[in-house]
Amino acid sequence: MKTYPAVLHLMCGKAGAGKSTLAQRLAQQPQTLLLVEDAWLATLYEQEMASLQDYARCSERLRRALGGHLVQLLRGGWSVALDFPMNTPDRRRWAKALAEEAGVAHCLHFLDVSHAQCLSRITQRNARGEHPFTLSEAEFEHLAQYFVPPAEEEGMTVLHYSEQD
C-alpha cells in the first residue's frame, strides 16, 4: 500500500466562502480524514448554542478537546482536512502549532470570496435547510467583522483561491 505524507489542511474564509465544500473535496484524497466543526458542535453542544458568544465558547472547548487527538492522527500518518474556520491569527497559530507538534506540513486554504457572494451563499444555504446552523444576515455581518485574512508574518503555507477559481 502506498503511503502519503500527512498534511493538516486548514480552511480560511468568511462564512459562505466554500470552506466546507473544499474540505470535503480534500478529504477524498487517500489517507485523509474530514473533521467538521459544525457537525461536532451540533452533536455535542446543540442545547448550549443560542448565540454567537455560545459558539465561540463551545468552539474553544472543542478545539481544546481535539488538539491532542489531531496530533496523534497526524503522527499516525493521516492527513486531516480540518473544517474549522481559521479566520483569525489566534486560530491559525493554534492549528500551526498542532502541525509542528506532529512534525507534519500544514496548508492554509484561503478562500478569498467577496462579502456579497458569501452572504448570497449563506442565504441560499439557509433556504435549503441542509446545514446544522443557520446564520441571519446580522449574525453573518457580526462574524465577518472578526475575519482577518492571513498575513505573511504568520508563517503559514497558504494556498489562495479567488472567486474565479
N, C-alpha and C. Protein backbone atom coordinates (compact mmCIF):
# COMPACT_ATOMS: atom_id res chain seq x y z
N MET A 1 0.84 -1.19 0.00
CA MET A 1 0.00 0.00 0.00
C MET A 1 0.88 1.24 0.00
N LYS A 2 0.57 2.17 -0.88
CA LYS A 2 1.32 3.41 -0.96
C LYS A 2 0.94 4.31 0.21
N THR A 3 1.93 4.96 0.77
CA THR A 3 1.66 5.92 1.84
C THR A 3 1.92 7.33 1.32
N TYR A 4 1.26 8.28 1.92
CA TYR A 4 1.37 9.68 1.53
C TYR A 4 1.77 10.46 2.77
N PRO A 5 2.57 11.52 2.60
CA PRO A 5 2.93 12.31 3.78
C PRO A 5 1.69 13.00 4.36
N ALA A 6 1.59 12.99 5.67
CA ALA A 6 0.45 13.62 6.34
C ALA A 6 0.53 15.14 6.21
N VAL A 7 -0.62 15.74 6.02
CA VAL A 7 -0.75 17.20 5.91
C VAL A 7 -1.98 17.62 6.72
N LEU A 8 -1.86 18.72 7.43
CA LEU A 8 -3.00 19.31 8.10
C LEU A 8 -3.55 20.41 7.19
N HIS A 9 -4.72 20.15 6.60
CA HIS A 9 -5.38 21.11 5.71
C HIS A 9 -6.29 22.00 6.55
N LEU A 10 -6.11 23.30 6.42
CA LEU A 10 -6.85 24.29 7.20
C LEU A 10 -7.66 25.18 6.28
N MET A 11 -8.84 25.58 6.73
CA MET A 11 -9.75 26.37 5.91
C MET A 11 -9.86 27.80 6.46
N CYS A 12 -9.76 28.77 5.56
CA CYS A 12 -9.86 30.18 5.93
C CYS A 12 -10.75 30.89 4.93
N GLY A 13 -11.76 31.57 5.42
CA GLY A 13 -12.67 32.33 4.57
C GLY A 13 -13.92 32.65 5.36
N LYS A 14 -14.59 33.69 4.95
CA LYS A 14 -15.82 34.08 5.63
C LYS A 14 -16.86 32.97 5.51
N ALA A 15 -17.87 33.04 6.36
CA ALA A 15 -19.00 32.11 6.25
C ALA A 15 -19.54 32.20 4.83
N GLY A 16 -19.79 31.06 4.21
CA GLY A 16 -20.31 31.04 2.85
C GLY A 16 -19.25 31.07 1.77
N ALA A 17 -17.98 31.10 2.14
CA ALA A 17 -16.91 31.18 1.14
C ALA A 17 -16.68 29.86 0.41
N GLY A 18 -17.12 28.75 1.02
CA GLY A 18 -16.91 27.44 0.40
C GLY A 18 -15.93 26.56 1.13
N LYS A 19 -15.68 26.87 2.39
CA LYS A 19 -14.71 26.10 3.18
C LYS A 19 -15.12 24.64 3.32
N SER A 20 -16.37 24.39 3.64
CA SER A 20 -16.83 23.01 3.83
C SER A 20 -16.79 22.22 2.53
N THR A 21 -17.16 22.85 1.44
CA THR A 21 -17.12 22.17 0.14
C THR A 21 -15.69 21.79 -0.21
N LEU A 22 -14.76 22.70 0.00
CA LEU A 22 -13.35 22.40 -0.28
C LEU A 22 -12.83 21.32 0.66
N ALA A 23 -13.16 21.40 1.94
CA ALA A 23 -12.70 20.39 2.90
C ALA A 23 -13.20 19.01 2.50
N GLN A 24 -14.44 18.92 2.06
CA GLN A 24 -14.99 17.63 1.60
C GLN A 24 -14.21 17.12 0.39
N ARG A 25 -13.86 18.01 -0.51
CA ARG A 25 -13.09 17.61 -1.69
C ARG A 25 -11.70 17.13 -1.29
N LEU A 26 -11.05 17.84 -0.38
CA LEU A 26 -9.72 17.44 0.08
C LEU A 26 -9.75 16.09 0.77
N ALA A 27 -10.84 15.81 1.48
CA ALA A 27 -10.97 14.55 2.21
C ALA A 27 -11.11 13.35 1.29
N GLN A 28 -11.29 13.58 0.00
CA GLN A 28 -11.34 12.48 -0.96
C GLN A 28 -9.95 11.93 -1.27
N GLN A 29 -8.92 12.65 -0.86
CA GLN A 29 -7.55 12.20 -1.09
C GLN A 29 -7.26 10.99 -0.20
N PRO A 30 -6.35 10.11 -0.64
CA PRO A 30 -6.01 8.93 0.17
C PRO A 30 -5.52 9.33 1.56
N GLN A 31 -5.88 8.51 2.54
CA GLN A 31 -5.42 8.66 3.93
C GLN A 31 -5.74 10.04 4.51
N THR A 32 -6.91 10.57 4.16
CA THR A 32 -7.30 11.90 4.63
C THR A 32 -8.65 11.81 5.34
N LEU A 33 -8.68 12.31 6.56
CA LEU A 33 -9.90 12.36 7.36
C LEU A 33 -10.49 13.76 7.32
N LEU A 34 -11.79 13.83 7.36
CA LEU A 34 -12.51 15.10 7.42
C LEU A 34 -13.07 15.28 8.82
N LEU A 35 -12.74 16.40 9.46
CA LEU A 35 -13.33 16.75 10.75
C LEU A 35 -14.06 18.08 10.56
N VAL A 36 -15.35 18.08 10.86
CA VAL A 36 -16.22 19.23 10.60
C VAL A 36 -16.67 19.83 11.93
N GLU A 37 -16.23 21.05 12.19
CA GLU A 37 -16.57 21.70 13.45
C GLU A 37 -18.08 21.79 13.65
N ASP A 38 -18.82 22.20 12.63
CA ASP A 38 -20.26 22.38 12.80
C ASP A 38 -20.96 21.08 13.19
N ALA A 39 -20.52 19.96 12.64
CA ALA A 39 -21.13 18.67 12.99
C ALA A 39 -20.84 18.32 14.44
N TRP A 40 -19.59 18.52 14.87
CA TRP A 40 -19.23 18.24 16.27
C TRP A 40 -20.01 19.14 17.21
N LEU A 41 -20.06 20.44 16.89
CA LEU A 41 -20.76 21.38 17.77
C LEU A 41 -22.25 21.06 17.85
N ALA A 42 -22.85 20.72 16.72
CA ALA A 42 -24.28 20.40 16.72
C ALA A 42 -24.57 19.16 17.55
N THR A 43 -23.67 18.20 17.51
CA THR A 43 -23.87 16.96 18.27
C THR A 43 -23.59 17.14 19.75
N LEU A 44 -22.49 17.80 20.07
CA LEU A 44 -22.07 17.90 21.47
C LEU A 44 -22.73 19.04 22.25
N TYR A 45 -22.99 20.16 21.58
CA TYR A 45 -23.39 21.36 22.30
C TYR A 45 -24.68 21.99 21.77
N GLU A 46 -25.48 21.25 21.06
CA GLU A 46 -26.68 21.81 20.43
C GLU A 46 -27.52 22.63 21.42
N GLN A 47 -27.73 22.11 22.60
CA GLN A 47 -28.59 22.79 23.59
C GLN A 47 -27.92 24.02 24.20
N GLU A 48 -26.61 24.15 24.02
CA GLU A 48 -25.87 25.27 24.61
C GLU A 48 -25.61 26.40 23.62
N MET A 49 -26.03 26.24 22.37
CA MET A 49 -25.62 27.18 21.32
C MET A 49 -26.80 28.05 20.88
N ALA A 50 -27.03 29.12 21.62
CA ALA A 50 -28.13 30.03 21.30
C ALA A 50 -27.63 31.37 20.74
N SER A 51 -26.32 31.62 20.82
CA SER A 51 -25.78 32.91 20.37
C SER A 51 -24.38 32.71 19.80
N LEU A 52 -23.87 33.76 19.18
CA LEU A 52 -22.51 33.69 18.67
C LEU A 52 -21.49 33.59 19.80
N GLN A 53 -21.81 34.15 20.95
CA GLN A 53 -20.93 34.01 22.12
C GLN A 53 -20.88 32.54 22.56
N ASP A 54 -22.02 31.87 22.51
CA ASP A 54 -22.06 30.44 22.84
C ASP A 54 -21.21 29.66 21.85
N TYR A 55 -21.32 30.02 20.56
CA TYR A 55 -20.50 29.35 19.55
C TYR A 55 -19.02 29.50 19.88
N ALA A 56 -18.58 30.71 20.19
CA ALA A 56 -17.17 30.95 20.49
C ALA A 56 -16.71 30.11 21.68
N ARG A 57 -17.53 30.06 22.72
CA ARG A 57 -17.18 29.28 23.91
C ARG A 57 -17.10 27.79 23.60
N CYS A 58 -18.10 27.27 22.91
CA CYS A 58 -18.14 25.84 22.59
C CYS A 58 -17.06 25.46 21.59
N SER A 59 -16.78 26.33 20.65
CA SER A 59 -15.73 26.07 19.67
C SER A 59 -14.37 25.97 20.35
N GLU A 60 -14.11 26.86 21.28
CA GLU A 60 -12.85 26.82 22.03
C GLU A 60 -12.75 25.52 22.83
N ARG A 61 -13.82 25.14 23.46
CA ARG A 61 -13.85 23.89 24.23
C ARG A 61 -13.56 22.69 23.32
N LEU A 62 -14.16 22.68 22.15
CA LEU A 62 -13.95 21.59 21.19
C LEU A 62 -12.50 21.55 20.72
N ARG A 63 -11.92 22.70 20.41
CA ARG A 63 -10.52 22.72 19.96
C ARG A 63 -9.60 22.19 21.06
N ARG A 64 -9.86 22.57 22.30
CA ARG A 64 -9.03 22.05 23.40
C ARG A 64 -9.15 20.53 23.50
N ALA A 65 -10.35 20.02 23.32
CA ALA A 65 -10.57 18.57 23.43
C ALA A 65 -9.94 17.80 22.28
N LEU A 66 -9.96 18.36 21.09
CA LEU A 66 -9.49 17.62 19.91
C LEU A 66 -8.02 17.79 19.59
N GLY A 67 -7.38 18.81 20.14
CA GLY A 67 -6.00 19.11 19.77
C GLY A 67 -5.07 17.91 19.86
N GLY A 68 -5.03 17.25 20.99
CA GLY A 68 -4.16 16.09 21.16
C GLY A 68 -4.50 14.95 20.22
N HIS A 69 -5.78 14.75 19.97
CA HIS A 69 -6.20 13.70 19.04
C HIS A 69 -5.75 14.01 17.62
N LEU A 70 -5.83 15.27 17.24
CA LEU A 70 -5.37 15.66 15.90
C LEU A 70 -3.88 15.39 15.75
N VAL A 71 -3.11 15.72 16.75
CA VAL A 71 -1.66 15.45 16.71
C VAL A 71 -1.42 13.96 16.55
N GLN A 72 -2.15 13.13 17.29
CA GLN A 72 -1.99 11.67 17.19
C GLN A 72 -2.32 11.18 15.78
N LEU A 73 -3.41 11.66 15.21
CA LEU A 73 -3.79 11.25 13.85
C LEU A 73 -2.70 11.63 12.85
N LEU A 74 -2.21 12.86 12.95
CA LEU A 74 -1.17 13.32 12.03
C LEU A 74 0.11 12.52 12.20
N ARG A 75 0.50 12.27 13.43
CA ARG A 75 1.70 11.44 13.67
C ARG A 75 1.51 10.02 13.15
N GLY A 76 0.28 9.56 13.14
CA GLY A 76 -0.03 8.22 12.64
C GLY A 76 -0.08 8.14 11.12
N GLY A 77 0.20 9.25 10.46
CA GLY A 77 0.25 9.23 9.00
C GLY A 77 -1.02 9.66 8.31
N TRP A 78 -2.02 10.06 9.07
CA TRP A 78 -3.29 10.52 8.48
C TRP A 78 -3.21 12.00 8.19
N SER A 79 -3.63 12.40 7.01
CA SER A 79 -3.86 13.81 6.73
C SER A 79 -5.24 14.15 7.29
N VAL A 80 -5.41 15.41 7.65
CA VAL A 80 -6.69 15.85 8.20
C VAL A 80 -7.13 17.10 7.45
N ALA A 81 -8.34 17.06 6.91
CA ALA A 81 -9.00 18.25 6.36
C ALA A 81 -9.85 18.80 7.50
N LEU A 82 -9.35 19.84 8.12
CA LEU A 82 -9.97 20.39 9.33
C LEU A 82 -10.93 21.52 8.93
N ASP A 83 -12.20 21.19 8.90
CA ASP A 83 -13.23 22.16 8.51
C ASP A 83 -13.66 22.96 9.74
N PHE A 84 -12.70 23.71 10.26
CA PHE A 84 -12.90 24.66 11.35
C PHE A 84 -12.44 26.00 10.77
N PRO A 85 -13.18 27.08 10.96
CA PRO A 85 -12.74 28.35 10.36
C PRO A 85 -11.46 28.88 11.02
N MET A 86 -10.43 28.99 10.22
CA MET A 86 -9.15 29.53 10.68
C MET A 86 -9.08 31.00 10.26
N ASN A 87 -10.00 31.78 10.82
CA ASN A 87 -10.23 33.14 10.35
C ASN A 87 -9.58 34.23 11.18
N THR A 88 -8.82 33.84 12.20
CA THR A 88 -8.10 34.82 13.00
C THR A 88 -6.68 34.33 13.20
N PRO A 89 -5.75 35.24 13.46
CA PRO A 89 -4.38 34.80 13.72
C PRO A 89 -4.27 33.82 14.89
N ASP A 90 -5.07 34.00 15.94
CA ASP A 90 -5.02 33.08 17.08
C ASP A 90 -5.40 31.66 16.68
N ARG A 91 -6.46 31.52 15.92
CA ARG A 91 -6.87 30.18 15.48
C ARG A 91 -5.81 29.55 14.58
N ARG A 92 -5.22 30.37 13.72
CA ARG A 92 -4.19 29.84 12.83
C ARG A 92 -2.94 29.43 13.61
N ARG A 93 -2.58 30.20 14.63
CA ARG A 93 -1.44 29.82 15.47
C ARG A 93 -1.69 28.48 16.15
N TRP A 94 -2.91 28.29 16.65
CA TRP A 94 -3.28 27.02 17.29
C TRP A 94 -3.09 25.87 16.32
N ALA A 95 -3.61 25.99 15.12
CA ALA A 95 -3.54 24.91 14.15
C ALA A 95 -2.12 24.67 13.67
N LYS A 96 -1.38 25.74 13.43
CA LYS A 96 0.02 25.60 13.00
C LYS A 96 0.83 24.89 14.08
N ALA A 97 0.57 25.21 15.34
CA ALA A 97 1.28 24.55 16.44
C ALA A 97 0.98 23.05 16.48
N LEU A 98 -0.24 22.65 16.14
CA LEU A 98 -0.57 21.22 16.09
C LEU A 98 0.26 20.53 15.02
N ALA A 99 0.34 21.12 13.84
CA ALA A 99 1.12 20.54 12.75
C ALA A 99 2.59 20.45 13.15
N GLU A 100 3.10 21.50 13.77
CA GLU A 100 4.50 21.49 14.20
C GLU A 100 4.74 20.42 15.26
N GLU A 101 3.83 20.30 16.22
CA GLU A 101 3.97 19.27 17.26
C GLU A 101 3.96 17.88 16.65
N ALA A 102 3.15 17.69 15.63
CA ALA A 102 3.05 16.38 14.97
C ALA A 102 4.20 16.14 13.99
N GLY A 103 4.92 17.20 13.63
CA GLY A 103 6.02 17.07 12.69
C GLY A 103 5.56 16.91 11.25
N VAL A 104 4.43 17.53 10.90
CA VAL A 104 3.89 17.42 9.54
C VAL A 104 3.70 18.81 8.93
N ALA A 105 3.49 18.82 7.63
CA ALA A 105 3.21 20.07 6.93
C ALA A 105 1.77 20.50 7.18
N HIS A 106 1.55 21.78 6.97
CA HIS A 106 0.19 22.32 7.00
C HIS A 106 -0.04 23.07 5.71
N CYS A 107 -1.30 23.27 5.36
CA CYS A 107 -1.66 24.10 4.21
C CYS A 107 -2.92 24.86 4.58
N LEU A 108 -2.82 26.18 4.58
CA LEU A 108 -3.97 27.03 4.85
C LEU A 108 -4.63 27.35 3.51
N HIS A 109 -5.81 26.84 3.29
CA HIS A 109 -6.57 27.08 2.07
C HIS A 109 -7.40 28.34 2.30
N PHE A 110 -6.98 29.44 1.67
CA PHE A 110 -7.62 30.74 1.86
C PHE A 110 -8.60 30.99 0.72
N LEU A 111 -9.89 30.95 1.05
CA LEU A 111 -10.95 31.19 0.06
C LEU A 111 -11.32 32.67 0.10
N ASP A 112 -10.83 33.40 -0.86
CA ASP A 112 -10.97 34.85 -0.93
C ASP A 112 -12.20 35.18 -1.78
N VAL A 113 -13.35 35.16 -1.14
CA VAL A 113 -14.64 35.35 -1.82
C VAL A 113 -15.26 36.64 -1.30
N SER A 114 -15.89 37.39 -2.19
CA SER A 114 -16.45 38.69 -1.82
C SER A 114 -17.50 38.55 -0.72
N HIS A 115 -17.63 39.61 0.04
CA HIS A 115 -18.62 39.68 1.11
C HIS A 115 -20.02 39.41 0.56
N ALA A 116 -20.34 40.05 -0.55
CA ALA A 116 -21.68 39.90 -1.15
C ALA A 116 -21.94 38.46 -1.59
N GLN A 117 -20.94 37.83 -2.19
CA GLN A 117 -21.10 36.45 -2.64
C GLN A 117 -21.29 35.51 -1.45
N CYS A 118 -20.52 35.72 -0.39
CA CYS A 118 -20.66 34.89 0.81
C CYS A 118 -22.06 35.03 1.40
N LEU A 119 -22.55 36.26 1.51
CA LEU A 119 -23.89 36.48 2.06
C LEU A 119 -24.95 35.82 1.18
N SER A 120 -24.79 35.91 -0.12
CA SER A 120 -25.73 35.26 -1.03
C SER A 120 -25.74 33.75 -0.81
N ARG A 121 -24.57 33.17 -0.66
CA ARG A 121 -24.48 31.72 -0.43
C ARG A 121 -25.10 31.32 0.91
N ILE A 122 -24.88 32.15 1.94
CA ILE A 122 -25.48 31.88 3.26
C ILE A 122 -27.00 31.90 3.15
N THR A 123 -27.54 32.87 2.45
CA THR A 123 -28.99 32.97 2.26
C THR A 123 -29.52 31.72 1.57
N GLN A 124 -28.83 31.27 0.52
CA GLN A 124 -29.24 30.05 -0.20
C GLN A 124 -29.13 28.82 0.70
N ARG A 125 -28.04 28.73 1.45
CA ARG A 125 -27.83 27.59 2.35
C ARG A 125 -28.93 27.55 3.41
N ASN A 126 -29.27 28.70 3.97
CA ASN A 126 -30.34 28.76 4.97
C ASN A 126 -31.66 28.26 4.36
N ALA A 127 -31.94 28.67 3.13
CA ALA A 127 -33.20 28.29 2.47
C ALA A 127 -33.26 26.78 2.22
N ARG A 128 -32.12 26.16 1.92
CA ARG A 128 -32.09 24.71 1.69
C ARG A 128 -32.26 23.93 2.99
N GLY A 129 -31.89 24.52 4.12
CA GLY A 129 -32.05 23.85 5.41
C GLY A 129 -31.15 22.64 5.60
N GLU A 130 -30.05 22.57 4.88
CA GLU A 130 -29.16 21.40 4.95
C GLU A 130 -28.07 21.53 6.00
N HIS A 131 -27.85 22.71 6.50
CA HIS A 131 -26.73 22.97 7.40
C HIS A 131 -27.21 22.88 8.84
N PRO A 132 -26.36 22.39 9.76
CA PRO A 132 -26.80 22.28 11.16
C PRO A 132 -27.14 23.62 11.81
N PHE A 133 -26.58 24.71 11.28
CA PHE A 133 -26.83 26.03 11.86
C PHE A 133 -27.24 26.99 10.75
N THR A 134 -28.13 27.91 11.09
CA THR A 134 -28.47 28.98 10.15
C THR A 134 -27.86 30.27 10.68
N LEU A 135 -27.52 31.15 9.75
CA LEU A 135 -26.97 32.45 10.10
C LEU A 135 -27.88 33.52 9.53
N SER A 136 -28.31 34.43 10.37
CA SER A 136 -29.05 35.58 9.86
C SER A 136 -28.04 36.54 9.21
N GLU A 137 -28.56 37.49 8.47
CA GLU A 137 -27.66 38.49 7.87
C GLU A 137 -26.90 39.24 8.96
N ALA A 138 -27.58 39.57 10.05
CA ALA A 138 -26.93 40.28 11.16
C ALA A 138 -25.82 39.43 11.78
N GLU A 139 -26.08 38.13 11.95
CA GLU A 139 -25.04 37.24 12.50
C GLU A 139 -23.87 37.11 11.54
N PHE A 140 -24.17 37.00 10.25
CA PHE A 140 -23.10 36.95 9.24
C PHE A 140 -22.23 38.20 9.34
N GLU A 141 -22.87 39.36 9.40
CA GLU A 141 -22.12 40.63 9.49
C GLU A 141 -21.29 40.67 10.76
N HIS A 142 -21.85 40.20 11.85
CA HIS A 142 -21.12 40.18 13.12
C HIS A 142 -19.89 39.28 13.02
N LEU A 143 -20.06 38.08 12.49
CA LEU A 143 -18.91 37.17 12.32
C LEU A 143 -17.87 37.75 11.37
N ALA A 144 -18.33 38.36 10.30
CA ALA A 144 -17.42 38.87 9.27
C ALA A 144 -16.49 39.94 9.83
N GLN A 145 -16.93 40.67 10.84
CA GLN A 145 -16.06 41.73 11.38
C GLN A 145 -14.83 41.16 12.09
N TYR A 146 -14.86 39.88 12.45
CA TYR A 146 -13.72 39.25 13.11
C TYR A 146 -12.77 38.59 12.12
N PHE A 147 -13.17 38.50 10.86
CA PHE A 147 -12.34 37.84 9.86
C PHE A 147 -11.07 38.64 9.60
N VAL A 148 -9.92 37.96 9.67
CA VAL A 148 -8.63 38.58 9.38
C VAL A 148 -7.94 37.71 8.33
N PRO A 149 -7.71 38.25 7.13
CA PRO A 149 -7.02 37.44 6.11
C PRO A 149 -5.62 37.06 6.61
N PRO A 150 -5.10 35.95 6.14
CA PRO A 150 -3.76 35.54 6.58
C PRO A 150 -2.71 36.55 6.13
N ALA A 151 -1.72 36.75 6.98
CA ALA A 151 -0.62 37.67 6.69
C ALA A 151 0.68 36.89 6.59
N GLU A 152 1.57 37.38 5.79
CA GLU A 152 2.85 36.70 5.56
C GLU A 152 3.61 36.45 6.86
N GLU A 153 3.55 37.40 7.78
CA GLU A 153 4.31 37.27 9.03
C GLU A 153 3.81 36.12 9.92
N GLU A 154 2.65 35.56 9.61
CA GLU A 154 2.15 34.41 10.37
C GLU A 154 2.93 33.14 10.05
N GLY A 155 3.65 33.14 8.93
CA GLY A 155 4.47 31.99 8.57
C GLY A 155 3.68 30.77 8.12
N MET A 156 2.50 31.00 7.60
CA MET A 156 1.65 29.89 7.14
C MET A 156 1.97 29.57 5.68
N THR A 157 1.81 28.30 5.33
CA THR A 157 1.83 27.89 3.94
C THR A 157 0.41 28.10 3.42
N VAL A 158 0.24 29.05 2.51
CA VAL A 158 -1.10 29.46 2.08
C VAL A 158 -1.33 29.10 0.62
N LEU A 159 -2.46 28.49 0.36
CA LEU A 159 -2.94 28.27 -1.00
C LEU A 159 -4.14 29.19 -1.17
N HIS A 160 -4.03 30.16 -2.05
CA HIS A 160 -5.02 31.22 -2.21
C HIS A 160 -5.99 30.88 -3.33
N TYR A 161 -7.27 30.92 -3.04
CA TYR A 161 -8.33 30.69 -4.02
C TYR A 161 -9.09 31.99 -4.17
N SER A 162 -9.23 32.46 -5.41
CA SER A 162 -10.04 33.66 -5.64
C SER A 162 -11.42 33.23 -6.09
N GLU A 163 -12.31 34.18 -6.17
CA GLU A 163 -13.70 33.88 -6.56
C GLU A 163 -13.77 33.21 -7.93
N GLN A 164 -12.80 33.48 -8.79
CA GLN A 164 -12.81 32.94 -10.14
C GLN A 164 -12.29 31.50 -10.21
N ASP A 165 -11.65 31.01 -9.16
CA ASP A 165 -11.06 29.65 -9.18
C ASP A 165 -12.13 28.58 -9.14
